[in-house]
Amino acid sequence: MHKIRKELLELINQCTKSQQYVFKRMYSHKNLNLALEDIIKNMDMMSIILGIRQTKSTILKNEDKIELKLHKLKNNILNNENKKRFCE
């Protein structure tokens, strides 16, 4: 498999299953049963470049969501600790 195709496969494997399904619908809407590797093998170079751009954006959004959840969790923990101190 060509290096750029491998890069796209590695990126799409970092996405959620539902995001991978959207990828399949976009690039293989006539055969959703194809494996991601086979879909990528059949893609032209412009589609691969677009797919890389889209999956990178999706991965960044996923990471932002995780960071936001961690931030909220940290704030909740700190708020609970402050409430305990106040009540003591």
Protein backbone atom coordinates (compact mmCIF):
# COMPACT_ATOMS: atom_id res chain seq x y z
CA MET A 1 0.00 0.00 0.00
CA HIS A 2 1.29 3.46 -0.90
CA LYS A 3 2.57 5.62 1.97
CA ILE A 4 -0.21 8.22 1.69
CA ARG A 5 -2.86 5.50 1.65
CA LYS A 6 -1.33 3.97 4.79
CA GLU A 7 -1.45 7.39 6.43
CA LEU A 8 -5.16 7.70 5.70
CA LEU A 9 -5.83 4.20 7.01
CA GLU A 10 -3.93 4.97 10.23
CA LEU A 11 -5.90 8.20 10.65
CA ILE A 12 -9.31 6.65 10.00
CA ASN A 13 -8.51 3.92 12.53
CA GLN A 14 -8.19 6.65 15.18
CA CYS A 15 -11.80 7.69 14.55
CA THR A 16 -14.85 6.24 16.26
CA LYS A 17 -16.85 3.47 14.60
CA SER A 18 -19.65 5.89 13.75
CA GLN A 19 -17.14 8.30 12.18
CA GLN A 20 -15.67 5.41 10.19
CA TYR A 21 -19.19 4.60 8.98
CA VAL A 22 -19.61 8.18 7.76
CA PHE A 23 -16.30 7.81 5.92
CA LYS A 24 -17.62 4.63 4.28
CA ARG A 25 -20.82 6.39 3.25
CA MET A 26 -18.82 9.24 1.71
CA TYR A 27 -16.28 7.16 -0.19
CA SER A 28 -18.02 3.83 -0.79
CA HIS A 29 -21.74 4.54 -0.63
CA LYS A 30 -22.50 1.76 -3.11
CA ASN A 31 -20.81 -0.91 -0.99
CA LEU A 32 -20.74 -0.21 2.75
CA ASN A 33 -19.53 -3.75 3.43
CA LEU A 34 -16.05 -3.07 2.03
CA ALA A 35 -13.22 -2.98 4.53
CA LEU A 36 -11.69 0.45 5.12
CA GLU A 37 -8.43 -0.74 3.57
CA ASP A 38 -10.23 -1.76 0.38
CA ILE A 39 -12.10 1.53 0.20
CA ILE A 40 -8.84 3.44 0.52
CA LYS A 41 -7.18 1.26 -2.15
CA ASN A 42 -9.96 2.24 -4.56
CA MET A 43 -9.77 5.99 -3.86
CA ASP A 44 -8.16 8.44 -6.28
CA MET A 45 -5.38 10.69 -5.00
CA MET A 46 -7.56 13.81 -4.65
CA SER A 47 -10.06 11.87 -2.55
CA ILE A 48 -7.24 10.53 -0.39
CA ILE A 49 -5.91 14.03 0.23
CA LEU A 50 -9.41 15.23 1.10
CA GLY A 51 -9.95 12.18 3.32
CA ILE A 52 -6.71 12.88 5.19
CA ARG A 53 -7.74 16.49 5.75
CA GLN A 54 -11.19 15.42 6.98
CA THR A 55 -9.94 12.70 9.31
CA LYS A 56 -7.27 14.96 10.81
CA SER A 57 -9.98 17.53 11.53
CA THR A 58 -12.19 14.85 13.08
CA ILE A 59 -9.36 13.57 15.28
CA LEU A 60 -8.64 17.10 16.51
CA LYS A 61 -12.32 17.61 17.34
CA ASN A 62 -12.34 14.30 19.23
CA GLU A 63 -9.26 15.39 21.20
CA ASP A 64 -10.88 18.76 21.99
CA LYS A 65 -13.96 16.95 23.33
CA ILE A 66 -11.76 14.79 25.56
CA GLU A 67 -9.86 17.83 26.84
CA LEU A 68 -13.14 19.59 27.61
CA LYS A 69 -14.45 16.55 29.51
CA LEU A 70 -11.21 16.33 31.50
CA HIS A 71 -11.40 20.03 32.30
CA LYS A 72 -14.99 19.70 33.51
CA LEU A 73 -14.10 16.65 35.57
CA LYS A 74 -11.18 18.47 37.17
CA ASN A 75 -13.42 21.45 38.00
CA ASN A 76 -16.04 19.15 39.53
CA ILE A 77 -13.43 17.48 41.70
CA LEU A 78 -12.07 20.84 42.85
CA ASN A 79 -15.57 22.14 43.55
CA ASN A 80 -16.39 19.03 45.61
CA GLU A 81 -13.18 19.40 47.60
CA ASN A 82 -13.98 23.06 48.28
CA LYS A 83 -17.50 22.16 49.43
CA LYS A 84 -16.12 19.57 51.82
CA ARG A 85 -13.72 22.11 53.31
CA PHE A 86 -16.49 24.64 53.68
CA CYS A 87 -18.74 22.14 55.45
CA GLU A 88 -16.06 20.99 57.91
